[in-house]
Amino acid sequence: MYLDIRQKGFTLIELMIVVVIIGVIAAFAYPSYVEYGERTRRSDAQGALLEFAAAMERHYATANSYEGAATGGGDTGSPGIFPDEAPLEGNNKFYDLTITAASGTGYTLRATPKGVQAGNGILELDSTGARRWDEDNSGGFGTGENDWQ
């Protein structure tokens, strides 16, 4: 009678090869995943700014001025006519929404990143429809930062 004593299973070398392959895949996938999350949160803030602009237009329709839309009837600061954080739904907020300027004929709205989104650059929208994104996070808007792309 013949007894088969061959062992079945994986060798340590085979397992190490699998670990290396998974590591290489993760090294490429993780940065893409992080960037996707940042883009998604930034898109939420852009949508919130557009809705905020619509609220400013409704305020103008009733007051015949953009002034007084901030908390307490002020012209700058936290909005009194719209939520002050984005995204509008959910518990995790990644942007603070503020009115940076308001006059009888115009306004400028800002979304300032915070939390995990901090360092991603501020977003602005004004009453003329001009969109700005401080892409390099320098604290101001330079050449080529006059859109949300």
N, C-alpha and C. Protein backbone atom coordinates (compact mmCIF):
# COMPACT_ATOMS: atom_id res chain seq x y z
N MET A 1 0.83 -1.16 0.00
CA MET A 1 0.00 0.00 0.00
C MET A 1 0.89 1.24 0.00
N TYR A 2 0.53 2.16 -0.87
CA TYR A 2 1.31 3.37 -1.06
C TYR A 2 0.62 4.53 -0.33
N LEU A 3 1.39 5.29 0.44
CA LEU A 3 0.85 6.40 1.20
C LEU A 3 1.32 7.71 0.54
N ASP A 4 0.37 8.59 0.15
CA ASP A 4 0.70 9.87 -0.47
C ASP A 4 0.89 10.90 0.64
N ILE A 5 2.12 11.38 0.77
CA ILE A 5 2.41 12.33 1.85
C ILE A 5 2.70 13.75 1.32
N ARG A 6 2.35 14.01 0.07
CA ARG A 6 2.54 15.37 -0.46
C ARG A 6 1.65 16.35 0.29
N GLN A 7 2.23 17.48 0.61
CA GLN A 7 1.47 18.48 1.36
C GLN A 7 0.81 19.45 0.39
N LYS A 8 -0.32 19.93 0.82
CA LYS A 8 -1.05 20.89 0.00
C LYS A 8 -1.08 22.22 0.75
N GLY A 9 -1.08 23.29 0.00
CA GLY A 9 -1.10 24.62 0.61
C GLY A 9 -0.20 25.57 -0.14
N PHE A 10 0.04 26.71 0.46
CA PHE A 10 0.86 27.74 -0.16
C PHE A 10 2.21 27.79 0.53
N THR A 11 3.21 28.12 -0.25
CA THR A 11 4.53 28.32 0.33
C THR A 11 4.65 29.77 0.79
N LEU A 12 5.64 30.02 1.60
CA LEU A 12 5.86 31.38 2.09
C LEU A 12 6.17 32.33 0.93
N ILE A 13 6.89 31.87 -0.05
CA ILE A 13 7.22 32.70 -1.22
C ILE A 13 5.95 33.09 -1.96
N GLU A 14 5.04 32.17 -2.15
CA GLU A 14 3.79 32.48 -2.85
C GLU A 14 2.98 33.51 -2.07
N LEU A 15 2.93 33.38 -0.77
CA LEU A 15 2.21 34.35 0.05
C LEU A 15 2.86 35.72 -0.02
N MET A 16 4.19 35.77 -0.01
CA MET A 16 4.89 37.06 -0.10
C MET A 16 4.64 37.74 -1.44
N ILE A 17 4.57 36.96 -2.50
CA ILE A 17 4.28 37.54 -3.83
C ILE A 17 2.89 38.17 -3.83
N VAL A 18 1.92 37.50 -3.23
CA VAL A 18 0.57 38.04 -3.15
C VAL A 18 0.56 39.33 -2.34
N VAL A 19 1.27 39.36 -1.22
CA VAL A 19 1.34 40.56 -0.38
C VAL A 19 1.96 41.72 -1.17
N VAL A 20 3.01 41.47 -1.92
CA VAL A 20 3.65 42.52 -2.72
C VAL A 20 2.69 43.04 -3.78
N ILE A 21 1.98 42.15 -4.45
CA ILE A 21 1.03 42.57 -5.49
C ILE A 21 -0.07 43.44 -4.88
N ILE A 22 -0.59 43.05 -3.74
CA ILE A 22 -1.63 43.85 -3.08
C ILE A 22 -1.05 45.21 -2.66
N GLY A 23 0.17 45.24 -2.18
CA GLY A 23 0.80 46.50 -1.81
C GLY A 23 0.96 47.44 -2.98
N VAL A 24 1.37 46.92 -4.13
CA VAL A 24 1.53 47.75 -5.33
C VAL A 24 0.18 48.30 -5.77
N ILE A 25 -0.84 47.47 -5.78
CA ILE A 25 -2.17 47.93 -6.17
C ILE A 25 -2.65 49.02 -5.20
N ALA A 26 -2.46 48.81 -3.90
CA ALA A 26 -2.89 49.80 -2.91
C ALA A 26 -2.12 51.11 -3.06
N ALA A 27 -0.84 51.03 -3.40
CA ALA A 27 -0.04 52.24 -3.56
C ALA A 27 -0.58 53.13 -4.68
N PHE A 28 -1.17 52.54 -5.70
CA PHE A 28 -1.75 53.32 -6.79
C PHE A 28 -3.19 53.70 -6.50
N ALA A 29 -3.94 52.84 -5.85
CA ALA A 29 -5.36 53.07 -5.65
C ALA A 29 -5.65 54.08 -4.54
N TYR A 30 -4.91 54.05 -3.45
CA TYR A 30 -5.23 54.91 -2.31
C TYR A 30 -5.16 56.41 -2.64
N PRO A 31 -4.11 56.90 -3.30
CA PRO A 31 -4.11 58.33 -3.65
C PRO A 31 -5.28 58.73 -4.55
N SER A 32 -5.66 57.85 -5.46
CA SER A 32 -6.82 58.14 -6.32
C SER A 32 -8.09 58.22 -5.48
N TYR A 33 -8.21 57.33 -4.51
CA TYR A 33 -9.37 57.33 -3.64
C TYR A 33 -9.45 58.62 -2.82
N VAL A 34 -8.33 59.06 -2.28
CA VAL A 34 -8.28 60.29 -1.49
C VAL A 34 -8.65 61.49 -2.36
N GLU A 35 -8.10 61.56 -3.56
CA GLU A 35 -8.39 62.66 -4.48
C GLU A 35 -9.87 62.66 -4.86
N TYR A 36 -10.44 61.49 -5.07
CA TYR A 36 -11.86 61.39 -5.40
C TYR A 36 -12.71 61.96 -4.27
N GLY A 37 -12.36 61.63 -3.04
CA GLY A 37 -13.09 62.16 -1.89
C GLY A 37 -13.01 63.68 -1.81
N GLU A 38 -11.82 64.24 -2.05
CA GLU A 38 -11.66 65.69 -2.03
C GLU A 38 -12.50 66.35 -3.12
N ARG A 39 -12.48 65.78 -4.32
CA ARG A 39 -13.26 66.35 -5.43
C ARG A 39 -14.75 66.30 -5.12
N THR A 40 -15.21 65.20 -4.53
CA THR A 40 -16.62 65.05 -4.20
C THR A 40 -17.05 66.09 -3.17
N ARG A 41 -16.25 66.26 -2.12
CA ARG A 41 -16.58 67.26 -1.09
C ARG A 41 -16.54 68.67 -1.67
N ARG A 42 -15.58 68.95 -2.56
CA ARG A 42 -15.50 70.27 -3.20
C ARG A 42 -16.73 70.50 -4.08
N SER A 43 -17.18 69.48 -4.79
CA SER A 43 -18.39 69.60 -5.61
C SER A 43 -19.62 69.90 -4.75
N ASP A 44 -19.70 69.27 -3.60
CA ASP A 44 -20.80 69.56 -2.67
C ASP A 44 -20.78 71.04 -2.26
N ALA A 45 -19.59 71.55 -1.97
CA ALA A 45 -19.47 72.96 -1.58
C ALA A 45 -19.84 73.89 -2.74
N GLN A 46 -19.47 73.52 -3.94
CA GLN A 46 -19.82 74.34 -5.10
C GLN A 46 -21.33 74.39 -5.28
N GLY A 47 -21.98 73.25 -5.12
CA GLY A 47 -23.44 73.20 -5.21
C GLY A 47 -24.08 74.04 -4.11
N ALA A 48 -23.52 73.98 -2.90
CA ALA A 48 -24.05 74.77 -1.79
C ALA A 48 -23.89 76.27 -2.08
N LEU A 49 -22.76 76.66 -2.67
CA LEU A 49 -22.57 78.07 -3.02
C LEU A 49 -23.60 78.53 -4.05
N LEU A 50 -23.91 77.68 -5.02
CA LEU A 50 -24.92 78.04 -6.02
C LEU A 50 -26.30 78.18 -5.37
N GLU A 51 -26.63 77.29 -4.44
CA GLU A 51 -27.90 77.40 -3.73
C GLU A 51 -27.91 78.65 -2.84
N PHE A 52 -26.77 78.94 -2.23
CA PHE A 52 -26.61 80.14 -1.41
C PHE A 52 -26.85 81.39 -2.27
N ALA A 53 -26.32 81.39 -3.49
CA ALA A 53 -26.52 82.52 -4.41
C ALA A 53 -28.01 82.68 -4.72
N ALA A 54 -28.71 81.56 -4.89
CA ALA A 54 -30.15 81.64 -5.14
C ALA A 54 -30.87 82.24 -3.93
N ALA A 55 -30.43 81.89 -2.73
CA ALA A 55 -31.00 82.48 -1.51
C ALA A 55 -30.73 83.98 -1.46
N MET A 56 -29.54 84.38 -1.90
CA MET A 56 -29.22 85.82 -1.95
C MET A 56 -30.14 86.54 -2.93
N GLU A 57 -30.44 85.90 -4.05
CA GLU A 57 -31.34 86.51 -5.04
C GLU A 57 -32.75 86.63 -4.47
N ARG A 58 -33.20 85.64 -3.71
CA ARG A 58 -34.52 85.72 -3.07
C ARG A 58 -34.52 86.86 -2.04
N HIS A 59 -33.41 87.00 -1.31
CA HIS A 59 -33.29 88.10 -0.34
C HIS A 59 -33.36 89.44 -1.07
N TYR A 60 -32.69 89.54 -2.19
CA TYR A 60 -32.72 90.78 -2.98
C TYR A 60 -34.14 91.10 -3.47
N ALA A 61 -34.86 90.07 -3.86
CA ALA A 61 -36.22 90.26 -4.37
C ALA A 61 -37.15 90.83 -3.30
N THR A 62 -36.90 90.49 -2.04
CA THR A 62 -37.76 91.01 -0.98
C THR A 62 -37.23 92.32 -0.37
N ALA A 63 -35.91 92.50 -0.33
CA ALA A 63 -35.32 93.68 0.32
C ALA A 63 -34.81 94.72 -0.67
N ASN A 64 -34.77 94.39 -1.95
CA ASN A 64 -34.25 95.26 -2.99
C ASN A 64 -32.79 95.63 -2.73
N SER A 65 -32.08 94.75 -2.03
CA SER A 65 -30.67 94.93 -1.72
C SER A 65 -30.12 93.60 -1.23
N TYR A 66 -28.82 93.41 -1.40
CA TYR A 66 -28.17 92.20 -0.87
C TYR A 66 -27.72 92.41 0.57
N GLU A 67 -27.78 93.65 1.04
CA GLU A 67 -27.37 93.97 2.40
C GLU A 67 -28.32 93.33 3.40
N GLY A 68 -27.79 93.01 4.57
CA GLY A 68 -28.62 92.48 5.64
C GLY A 68 -28.87 90.99 5.58
N ALA A 69 -28.17 90.26 4.72
CA ALA A 69 -28.39 88.82 4.58
C ALA A 69 -27.58 88.00 5.57
N ALA A 70 -26.64 88.62 6.25
CA ALA A 70 -25.82 87.90 7.23
C ALA A 70 -26.57 87.80 8.56
N THR A 71 -26.04 86.99 9.45
CA THR A 71 -26.65 86.80 10.76
C THR A 71 -26.82 88.14 11.46
N GLY A 72 -27.97 88.35 12.04
CA GLY A 72 -28.25 89.59 12.75
C GLY A 72 -28.50 90.77 11.83
N GLY A 73 -28.72 90.51 10.55
CA GLY A 73 -28.98 91.59 9.60
C GLY A 73 -27.73 92.30 9.12
N GLY A 74 -26.57 91.70 9.36
CA GLY A 74 -25.32 92.32 8.92
C GLY A 74 -25.06 92.09 7.44
N ASP A 75 -23.93 92.65 6.98
CA ASP A 75 -23.57 92.54 5.58
C ASP A 75 -22.48 91.50 5.32
N THR A 76 -21.73 91.12 6.33
CA THR A 76 -20.68 90.11 6.18
C THR A 76 -20.75 89.13 7.34
N GLY A 77 -20.17 87.96 7.14
CA GLY A 77 -20.13 86.94 8.18
C GLY A 77 -21.01 85.76 7.86
N SER A 78 -21.43 85.07 8.89
CA SER A 78 -22.28 83.88 8.71
C SER A 78 -23.62 84.29 8.10
N PRO A 79 -24.12 83.49 7.18
CA PRO A 79 -25.40 83.84 6.56
C PRO A 79 -26.57 83.68 7.53
N GLY A 80 -27.50 84.60 7.47
CA GLY A 80 -28.72 84.50 8.24
C GLY A 80 -29.85 83.93 7.43
N ILE A 81 -29.64 83.83 6.12
CA ILE A 81 -30.71 83.38 5.22
C ILE A 81 -30.43 82.00 4.64
N PHE A 82 -29.35 81.35 5.08
CA PHE A 82 -28.92 80.08 4.49
C PHE A 82 -28.06 79.35 5.52
N PRO A 83 -27.99 78.02 5.47
CA PRO A 83 -27.10 77.30 6.39
C PRO A 83 -25.65 77.79 6.26
N ASP A 84 -24.90 77.68 7.35
CA ASP A 84 -23.53 78.20 7.35
C ASP A 84 -22.46 77.14 7.15
N GLU A 85 -22.86 75.90 6.82
CA GLU A 85 -21.89 74.83 6.57
C GLU A 85 -22.34 73.97 5.39
N ALA A 86 -21.36 73.36 4.74
CA ALA A 86 -21.64 72.45 3.62
C ALA A 86 -20.87 71.15 3.87
N PRO A 87 -21.38 70.04 3.40
CA PRO A 87 -22.60 69.86 2.62
C PRO A 87 -23.83 70.14 3.48
N LEU A 88 -24.94 70.45 2.81
CA LEU A 88 -26.15 70.84 3.51
C LEU A 88 -26.77 69.66 4.25
N GLU A 89 -26.65 68.45 3.70
CA GLU A 89 -27.17 67.25 4.36
C GLU A 89 -26.03 66.52 5.04
N GLY A 90 -26.39 65.71 6.03
CA GLY A 90 -25.40 64.89 6.71
C GLY A 90 -24.80 65.59 7.92
N ASN A 91 -24.10 64.82 8.72
CA ASN A 91 -23.51 65.34 9.95
C ASN A 91 -22.09 65.87 9.74
N ASN A 92 -21.35 65.32 8.80
CA ASN A 92 -19.96 65.74 8.58
C ASN A 92 -19.95 66.97 7.68
N LYS A 93 -19.43 68.05 8.21
CA LYS A 93 -19.35 69.32 7.46
C LYS A 93 -17.90 69.60 7.12
N PHE A 94 -17.66 69.96 5.86
CA PHE A 94 -16.30 70.14 5.37
C PHE A 94 -16.01 71.57 4.92
N TYR A 95 -17.02 72.44 4.88
CA TYR A 95 -16.83 73.83 4.47
C TYR A 95 -17.69 74.75 5.33
N ASP A 96 -17.13 75.91 5.67
CA ASP A 96 -17.90 76.98 6.30
C ASP A 96 -18.32 77.95 5.21
N LEU A 97 -19.58 78.32 5.20
CA LEU A 97 -20.11 79.26 4.22
C LEU A 97 -20.25 80.64 4.86
N THR A 98 -19.77 81.67 4.17
CA THR A 98 -19.84 83.03 4.69
C THR A 98 -20.13 84.01 3.56
N ILE A 99 -20.62 85.17 3.97
CA ILE A 99 -20.77 86.31 3.06
C ILE A 99 -19.57 87.20 3.32
N THR A 100 -18.71 87.38 2.31
CA THR A 100 -17.52 88.21 2.52
C THR A 100 -17.75 89.65 2.11
N ALA A 101 -18.78 89.90 1.30
CA ALA A 101 -19.14 91.27 0.91
C ALA A 101 -20.59 91.28 0.46
N ALA A 102 -21.30 92.32 0.83
CA ALA A 102 -22.68 92.51 0.38
C ALA A 102 -22.96 94.00 0.31
N SER A 103 -23.55 94.41 -0.80
CA SER A 103 -23.92 95.81 -0.98
C SER A 103 -25.33 95.84 -1.56
N GLY A 104 -25.75 96.99 -1.95
CA GLY A 104 -27.07 97.11 -2.55
C GLY A 104 -27.16 96.41 -3.89
N THR A 105 -26.00 96.25 -4.57
CA THR A 105 -26.04 95.71 -5.93
C THR A 105 -25.21 94.46 -6.15
N GLY A 106 -24.52 93.97 -5.15
CA GLY A 106 -23.68 92.78 -5.38
C GLY A 106 -23.29 92.10 -4.08
N TYR A 107 -22.70 90.91 -4.24
CA TYR A 107 -22.26 90.13 -3.08
C TYR A 107 -21.11 89.21 -3.49
N THR A 108 -20.39 88.73 -2.49
CA THR A 108 -19.38 87.69 -2.68
C THR A 108 -19.58 86.66 -1.58
N LEU A 109 -19.70 85.40 -1.97
CA LEU A 109 -19.89 84.29 -1.05
C LEU A 109 -18.64 83.44 -1.03
N ARG A 110 -18.34 82.85 0.12
CA ARG A 110 -17.11 82.06 0.25
C ARG A 110 -17.40 80.75 0.97
N ALA A 111 -16.72 79.69 0.51
CA ALA A 111 -16.72 78.39 1.18
C ALA A 111 -15.28 78.12 1.61
N THR A 112 -15.06 78.05 2.91
CA THR A 112 -13.73 77.83 3.47
C THR A 112 -13.62 76.39 3.95
N PRO A 113 -12.65 75.63 3.41
CA PRO A 113 -12.54 74.22 3.80
C PRO A 113 -12.09 74.05 5.25
N LYS A 114 -12.56 72.96 5.85
CA LYS A 114 -12.17 72.63 7.23
C LYS A 114 -12.15 71.12 7.39
N GLY A 115 -11.62 70.67 8.50
CA GLY A 115 -11.54 69.23 8.76
C GLY A 115 -10.62 68.54 7.76
N VAL A 116 -11.04 67.39 7.26
CA VAL A 116 -10.19 66.65 6.32
C VAL A 116 -10.04 67.39 5.00
N GLN A 117 -10.89 68.36 4.74
CA GLN A 117 -10.82 69.13 3.49
C GLN A 117 -9.90 70.34 3.63
N ALA A 118 -9.47 70.65 4.83
CA ALA A 118 -8.59 71.81 5.06
C ALA A 118 -7.36 71.72 4.18
N GLY A 119 -6.96 72.85 3.64
CA GLY A 119 -5.80 72.87 2.76
C GLY A 119 -6.17 72.68 1.30
N ASN A 120 -7.46 72.56 1.01
CA ASN A 120 -7.90 72.32 -0.36
C ASN A 120 -8.25 73.62 -1.08
N GLY A 121 -8.11 74.75 -0.43
CA GLY A 121 -8.33 76.05 -1.07
C GLY A 121 -9.76 76.52 -0.97
N ILE A 122 -9.91 77.82 -0.74
CA ILE A 122 -11.23 78.41 -0.61
C ILE A 122 -11.91 78.50 -1.97
N LEU A 123 -13.23 78.50 -1.93
CA LEU A 123 -14.07 78.67 -3.13
C LEU A 123 -14.85 79.97 -2.96
N GLU A 124 -15.01 80.71 -4.06
CA GLU A 124 -15.81 81.94 -4.01
C GLU A 124 -16.75 82.00 -5.20
N LEU A 125 -17.85 82.69 -4.97
CA LEU A 125 -18.84 82.95 -6.01
C LEU A 125 -19.37 84.36 -5.76
N ASP A 126 -19.43 85.17 -6.81
CA ASP A 126 -19.98 86.51 -6.61
C ASP A 126 -21.25 86.71 -7.44
N SER A 127 -21.84 87.87 -7.26
CA SER A 127 -23.14 88.15 -7.88
C SER A 127 -23.08 88.22 -9.40
N THR A 128 -21.90 88.37 -9.97
CA THR A 128 -21.77 88.37 -11.44
C THR A 128 -21.67 86.95 -11.99
N GLY A 129 -21.56 85.97 -11.09
CA GLY A 129 -21.40 84.58 -11.51
C GLY A 129 -19.95 84.14 -11.59
N ALA A 130 -19.03 85.05 -11.26
CA ALA A 130 -17.60 84.70 -11.30
C ALA A 130 -17.29 83.67 -10.21
N ARG A 131 -16.58 82.64 -10.62
CA ARG A 131 -16.21 81.55 -9.70
C ARG A 131 -14.71 81.52 -9.54
N ARG A 132 -14.26 81.39 -8.32
CA ARG A 132 -12.82 81.34 -8.04
C ARG A 132 -12.53 80.18 -7.08
N TRP A 133 -11.38 79.56 -7.29
CA TRP A 133 -10.91 78.49 -6.40
C TRP A 133 -9.42 78.69 -6.17
N ASP A 134 -9.02 78.85 -4.93
CA ASP A 134 -7.62 79.00 -4.55
C ASP A 134 -6.97 77.62 -4.59
N GLU A 135 -6.73 77.14 -5.79
CA GLU A 135 -6.26 75.77 -6.00
C GLU A 135 -4.93 75.47 -5.32
N ASP A 136 -4.03 76.45 -5.29
CA ASP A 136 -2.73 76.21 -4.67
C ASP A 136 -2.73 76.54 -3.16
N ASN A 137 -3.90 76.92 -2.63
CA ASN A 137 -4.08 77.19 -1.21
C ASN A 137 -3.11 78.26 -0.70
N SER A 138 -2.92 79.30 -1.51
CA SER A 138 -1.99 80.37 -1.14
C SER A 138 -2.65 81.46 -0.30
N GLY A 139 -3.96 81.40 -0.16
CA GLY A 139 -4.68 82.42 0.59
C GLY A 139 -5.25 83.52 -0.28
N GLY A 140 -4.98 83.47 -1.56
CA GLY A 140 -5.50 84.45 -2.51
C GLY A 140 -5.73 83.79 -3.85
N PHE A 141 -6.29 84.54 -4.77
CA PHE A 141 -6.58 84.00 -6.09
C PHE A 141 -5.57 84.51 -7.10
N GLY A 142 -4.80 83.60 -7.65
CA GLY A 142 -3.79 83.95 -8.63
C GLY A 142 -4.27 83.72 -10.04
N THR A 143 -3.36 83.87 -10.97
CA THR A 143 -3.67 83.64 -12.37
C THR A 143 -4.09 82.19 -12.57
N GLY A 144 -5.14 81.99 -13.30
CA GLY A 144 -5.62 80.65 -13.58
C GLY A 144 -6.51 80.07 -12.50
N GLU A 145 -6.79 80.87 -11.46
CA GLU A 145 -7.67 80.38 -10.39
C GLU A 145 -9.02 81.07 -10.44
N ASN A 146 -9.47 81.40 -11.65
CA ASN A 146 -10.72 82.12 -11.81
C ASN A 146 -11.85 81.20 -12.29
N ASP A 147 -11.78 79.94 -11.88
CA ASP A 147 -12.86 79.00 -12.16
C ASP A 147 -12.82 77.90 -11.10
N TRP A 148 -13.75 76.98 -11.19
CA TRP A 148 -13.81 75.89 -10.22
C TRP A 148 -13.24 74.60 -10.78
N GLN A 149 -12.50 74.65 -11.86
CA GLN A 149 -11.96 73.44 -12.48
C GLN A 149 -10.64 73.05 -11.86
